[in-house]
Amino acid sequence: MDPYVVAIWIVRIAFLGGLYLFMFGVARLLLRDLRAAARDPGGALARLVVVWSDVSEPPRGTVFGLDAVATIGRDVNNSIVVEDDFASAEHAALAFRGRAWYVEDLGSTNGTFVNGLRTDGLSAITYGDELQVGRVRFRFERSRR
């Protein structure tokens, strides 16, 4: 056999071996990322903890993970459902914009309160603030990652 043909075959086999090693490495990284995502499915940006509730839902101590936008109200389509006659169907919205969190009253009848003060429009909130919707008080906290 010609040494040139043997060299070509060796290069081909080495290229295929390198290609398979590369594909194996990519598959291993993807599998590792999938397993990490399965361990932390929430990935919430922040959370609301019920600190006081005069209604059946949500009970005191309930924790709600928050995405970039979350709504609070009596309607079942809200992110956080409050079964309270003093809460509107779509009562308030929480939003993460830029580097800050904001709460917005959505035209509720009884208002949304931040640290005991009524807010009528868009208000910035920080970790540790208390929100009141109807007869339910929430504490706004960092998520635990």
C-alpha atoms as a PDB file:
ATOM      1  CA  MET A   1       0.000   0.000   0.000  1.00  0.00           C
ATOM      2  CA  ASP A   2       1.115   3.511  -0.796  1.00  0.00           C
ATOM      3  CA  PRO A   3       2.277   5.520   2.272  1.00  0.00           C
ATOM      4  CA  TYR A   4       0.328   8.546   0.975  1.00  0.00           C
ATOM      5  CA  VAL A   5      -2.995   6.620   1.069  1.00  0.00           C
ATOM      6  CA  VAL A   6      -2.210   5.328   4.581  1.00  0.00           C
ATOM      7  CA  ALA A   7      -1.524   8.908   5.758  1.00  0.00           C
ATOM      8  CA  ILE A   8      -4.856  10.085   4.285  1.00  0.00           C
ATOM      9  CA  TRP A   9      -6.695   7.287   6.128  1.00  0.00           C
ATOM     10  CA  ILE A  10      -4.981   8.158   9.403  1.00  0.00           C
ATOM     11  CA  VAL A  11      -5.963  11.821   9.003  1.00  0.00           C
ATOM     12  CA  ARG A  12      -9.576  10.829   8.234  1.00  0.00           C
ATOM     13  CA  ILE A  13      -9.799   8.566  11.275  1.00  0.00           C
ATOM     14  CA  ALA A  14      -8.219  11.219  13.522  1.00  0.00           C
ATOM     15  CA  PHE A  15     -10.668  13.842  12.205  1.00  0.00           C
ATOM     16  CA  LEU A  16     -13.659  11.563  12.863  1.00  0.00           C
ATOM     17  CA  GLY A  17     -12.345  10.760  16.360  1.00  0.00           C
ATOM     18  CA  GLY A  18     -11.965  14.475  17.123  1.00  0.00           C
ATOM     19  CA  LEU A  19     -15.449  15.162  15.775  1.00  0.00           C
ATOM     20  CA  TYR A  20     -16.957  12.445  17.987  1.00  0.00           C
ATOM     21  CA  LEU A  21     -15.085  13.774  21.036  1.00  0.00           C
ATOM     22  CA  PHE A  22     -16.408  17.274  20.311  1.00  0.00           C
ATOM     23  CA  MET A  23     -20.003  15.994  19.981  1.00  0.00           C
ATOM     24  CA  PHE A  24     -19.612  14.001  23.214  1.00  0.00           C
ATOM     25  CA  GLY A  25     -18.413  17.162  25.030  1.00  0.00           C
ATOM     26  CA  VAL A  26     -21.367  19.219  23.736  1.00  0.00           C
ATOM     27  CA  ALA A  27     -23.857  16.513  24.768  1.00  0.00           C
ATOM     28  CA  ARG A  28     -22.271  16.335  28.222  1.00  0.00           C
ATOM     29  CA  LEU A  29     -22.548  20.120  28.704  1.00  0.00           C
ATOM     30  CA  LEU A  30     -26.185  20.124  27.589  1.00  0.00           C
ATOM     31  CA  LEU A  31     -27.022  17.306  29.968  1.00  0.00           C
ATOM     32  CA  ARG A  32     -25.320  19.127  32.848  1.00  0.00           C
ATOM     33  CA  ASP A  33     -27.334  22.308  32.106  1.00  0.00           C
ATOM     34  CA  LEU A  34     -30.581  20.343  31.960  1.00  0.00           C
ATOM     35  CA  ARG A  35     -29.866  18.730  35.311  1.00  0.00           C
ATOM     36  CA  ALA A  36     -29.055  22.120  36.878  1.00  0.00           C
ATOM     37  CA  ALA A  37     -32.320  23.555  35.530  1.00  0.00           C
ATOM     38  CA  ALA A  38     -34.256  20.596  36.955  1.00  0.00           C
ATOM     39  CA  ARG A  39     -32.765  21.207  40.415  1.00  0.00           C
ATOM     40  CA  ASP A  40     -33.899  24.870  40.419  1.00  0.00           C
ATOM     41  CA  PRO A  41     -37.157  24.971  38.457  1.00  0.00           C
ATOM     42  CA  GLY A  42     -38.437  28.230  39.949  1.00  0.00           C
ATOM     43  CA  GLY A  43     -35.730  30.674  39.108  1.00  0.00           C
ATOM     44  CA  ALA A  44     -37.865  33.444  40.601  1.00  0.00           C
ATOM     45  CA  LEU A  45     -36.476  36.980  40.607  1.00  0.00           C
ATOM     46  CA  ALA A  46     -38.061  37.881  43.960  1.00  0.00           C
ATOM     47  CA  ARG A  47     -40.790  36.627  46.258  1.00  0.00           C
ATOM     48  CA  LEU A  48     -43.797  37.769  48.255  1.00  0.00           C
ATOM     49  CA  VAL A  49     -44.401  36.286  51.699  1.00  0.00           C
ATOM     50  CA  VAL A  50     -47.825  36.566  53.305  1.00  0.00           C
ATOM     51  CA  VAL A  51     -47.215  38.127  56.741  1.00  0.00           C
ATOM     52  CA  TRP A  52     -50.843  38.734  57.697  1.00  0.00           C
ATOM     53  CA  SER A  53     -54.096  37.468  56.240  1.00  0.00           C
ATOM     54  CA  ASP A  54     -57.663  37.912  57.413  1.00  0.00           C
ATOM     55  CA  VAL A  55     -58.973  35.615  54.662  1.00  0.00           C
ATOM     56  CA  SER A  56     -58.727  31.906  53.841  1.00  0.00           C
ATOM     57  CA  GLU A  57     -56.588  32.288  50.714  1.00  0.00           C
ATOM     58  CA  PRO A  58     -53.678  32.868  50.841  1.00  0.00           C
ATOM     59  CA  PRO A  59     -52.893  31.757  54.401  1.00  0.00           C
ATOM     60  CA  ARG A  60     -50.167  33.375  56.492  1.00  0.00           C
ATOM     61  CA  GLY A  61     -46.666  32.133  55.634  1.00  0.00           C
ATOM     62  CA  THR A  62     -47.410  31.373  51.977  1.00  0.00           C
ATOM     63  CA  VAL A  63     -44.510  32.252  49.664  1.00  0.00           C
ATOM     64  CA  PHE A  64     -45.031  33.327  46.045  1.00  0.00           C
ATOM     65  CA  GLY A  65     -42.127  33.392  43.586  1.00  0.00           C
ATOM     66  CA  LEU A  66     -42.225  36.381  41.238  1.00  0.00           C
ATOM     67  CA  ASP A  67     -41.329  36.528  37.570  1.00  0.00           C
ATOM     68  CA  ALA A  68     -40.584  39.820  35.799  1.00  0.00           C
ATOM     69  CA  VAL A  69     -44.319  40.631  35.789  1.00  0.00           C
ATOM     70  CA  ALA A  70     -46.849  39.353  38.336  1.00  0.00           C
ATOM     71  CA  THR A  71     -50.455  40.346  38.981  1.00  0.00           C
ATOM     72  CA  ILE A  72     -52.446  40.219  42.207  1.00  0.00           C
ATOM     73  CA  GLY A  73     -56.235  40.008  42.490  1.00  0.00           C
ATOM     74  CA  ARG A  74     -59.343  37.878  42.966  1.00  0.00           C
ATOM     75  CA  ASP A  75     -59.469  36.585  39.362  1.00  0.00           C
ATOM     76  CA  VAL A  76     -58.007  33.099  38.874  1.00  0.00           C
ATOM     77  CA  ASN A  77     -55.930  34.377  35.928  1.00  0.00           C
ATOM     78  CA  ASN A  78     -53.704  36.405  38.259  1.00  0.00           C
ATOM     79  CA  SER A  79     -50.272  35.207  39.329  1.00  0.00           C
ATOM     80  CA  ILE A  80     -51.310  35.605  42.967  1.00  0.00           C
ATOM     81  CA  VAL A  81     -54.959  34.955  43.769  1.00  0.00           C
ATOM     82  CA  VAL A  82     -56.384  36.691  46.857  1.00  0.00           C
ATOM     83  CA  GLU A  83     -59.821  35.462  47.921  1.00  0.00           C
ATOM     84  CA  ASP A  84     -60.928  38.685  49.564  1.00  0.00           C
ATOM     85  CA  ASP A  85     -64.017  40.826  48.945  1.00  0.00           C
ATOM     86  CA  PHE A  86     -61.869  43.926  49.468  1.00  0.00           C
ATOM     87  CA  ALA A  87     -59.545  42.981  46.578  1.00  0.00           C
ATOM     88  CA  SER A  88     -60.470  43.762  42.982  1.00  0.00           C
ATOM     89  CA  ALA A  89     -60.453  41.147  40.233  1.00  0.00           C
ATOM     90  CA  GLU A  90     -57.269  42.739  38.867  1.00  0.00           C
ATOM     91  CA  HIS A  91     -55.964  44.674  41.819  1.00  0.00           C
ATOM     92  CA  ALA A  92     -52.236  45.348  41.382  1.00  0.00           C
ATOM     93  CA  ALA A  93     -49.234  44.437  39.253  1.00  0.00           C
ATOM     94  CA  LEU A  94     -45.590  43.964  40.208  1.00  0.00           C
ATOM     95  CA  ALA A  95     -42.966  44.502  37.524  1.00  0.00           C
ATOM     96  CA  PHE A  96     -39.186  44.316  37.334  1.00  0.00           C
ATOM     97  CA  ARG A  97     -38.006  47.094  35.024  1.00  0.00           C
ATOM     98  CA  GLY A  98     -34.351  47.790  34.490  1.00  0.00           C
ATOM     99  CA  ARG A  99     -32.832  47.310  37.915  1.00  0.00           C
ATOM    100  CA  ALA A 100     -35.830  48.117  40.119  1.00  0.00           C
ATOM    101  CA  TRP A 101     -39.171  46.665  41.149  1.00  0.00           C
ATOM    102  CA  TYR A 102     -42.397  48.611  40.819  1.00  0.00           C
ATOM    103  CA  VAL A 103     -45.939  48.079  42.068  1.00  0.00           C
ATOM    104  CA  GLU A 104     -48.867  49.557  40.180  1.00  0.00           C
ATOM    105  CA  ASP A 105     -52.426  49.835  41.375  1.00  0.00           C
ATOM    106  CA  LEU A 106     -54.680  48.754  38.505  1.00  0.00           C
ATOM    107  CA  GLY A 107     -57.587  51.004  39.389  1.00  0.00           C
ATOM    108  CA  SER A 108     -58.742  48.999  42.394  1.00  0.00           C
ATOM    109  CA  THR A 109     -61.624  50.236  44.523  1.00  0.00           C
ATOM    110  CA  ASN A 110     -59.922  49.917  47.905  1.00  0.00           C
ATOM    111  CA  GLY A 111     -56.369  50.758  46.804  1.00  0.00           C
ATOM    112  CA  THR A 112     -52.945  49.204  47.136  1.00  0.00           C
ATOM    113  CA  PHE A 113     -50.772  50.134  50.109  1.00  0.00           C
ATOM    114  CA  VAL A 114     -46.968  50.162  50.319  1.00  0.00           C
ATOM    115  CA  ASN A 115     -45.674  50.357  53.901  1.00  0.00           C
ATOM    116  CA  GLY A 116     -49.087  51.626  55.033  1.00  0.00           C
ATOM    117  CA  LEU A 117     -49.313  54.427  52.454  1.00  0.00           C
ATOM    118  CA  ARG A 118     -51.821  54.281  49.606  1.00  0.00           C
ATOM    119  CA  THR A 119     -50.287  54.264  46.138  1.00  0.00           C
ATOM    120  CA  ASP A 120     -52.408  55.389  43.204  1.00  0.00           C
ATOM    121  CA  GLY A 121     -50.062  54.831  40.303  1.00  0.00           C
ATOM    122  CA  LEU A 122     -46.657  53.324  39.747  1.00  0.00           C
ATOM    123  CA  SER A 123     -44.439  53.180  42.851  1.00  0.00           C
ATOM    124  CA  ALA A 124     -40.926  51.842  43.302  1.00  0.00           C
ATOM    125  CA  ILE A 125     -40.523  49.184  45.978  1.00  0.00           C
ATOM    126  CA  THR A 126     -37.477  47.660  47.626  1.00  0.00           C
ATOM    127  CA  TYR A 127     -36.791  44.441  49.469  1.00  0.00           C
ATOM    128  CA  GLY A 128     -38.384  44.456  52.903  1.00  0.00           C
ATOM    129  CA  ASP A 129     -41.340  46.653  51.912  1.00  0.00           C
ATOM    130  CA  GLU A 130     -44.839  45.550  52.869  1.00  0.00           C
ATOM    131  CA  LEU A 131     -47.659  45.527  50.321  1.00  0.00           C
ATOM    132  CA  GLN A 132     -51.299  45.376  51.320  1.00  0.00           C
ATOM    133  CA  VAL A 133     -53.993  44.185  48.936  1.00  0.00           C
ATOM    134  CA  GLY A 134     -57.420  44.020  50.538  1.00  0.00           C
ATOM    135  CA  ARG A 135     -56.994  42.397  53.957  1.00  0.00           C
ATOM    136  CA  VAL A 136     -53.737  40.604  53.031  1.00  0.00           C
ATOM    137  CA  ARG A 137     -50.255  41.964  53.771  1.00  0.00           C
ATOM    138  CA  PHE A 138     -47.206  40.729  51.878  1.00  0.00           C
ATOM    139  CA  ARG A 139     -43.498  41.300  52.536  1.00  0.00           C
ATOM    140  CA  PHE A 140     -41.401  41.779  49.402  1.00  0.00           C
ATOM    141  CA  GLU A 141     -38.143  39.787  49.652  1.00  0.00           C
ATOM    142  CA  ARG A 142     -35.181  38.613  47.620  1.00  0.00           C
ATOM    143  CA  SER A 143     -35.524  35.161  46.134  1.00  0.00           C
ATOM    144  CA  ARG A 144     -33.516  32.406  47.795  1.00  0.00           C
ATOM    145  CA  ARG A 145     -31.291  30.893  45.133  1.00  0.00           C
END
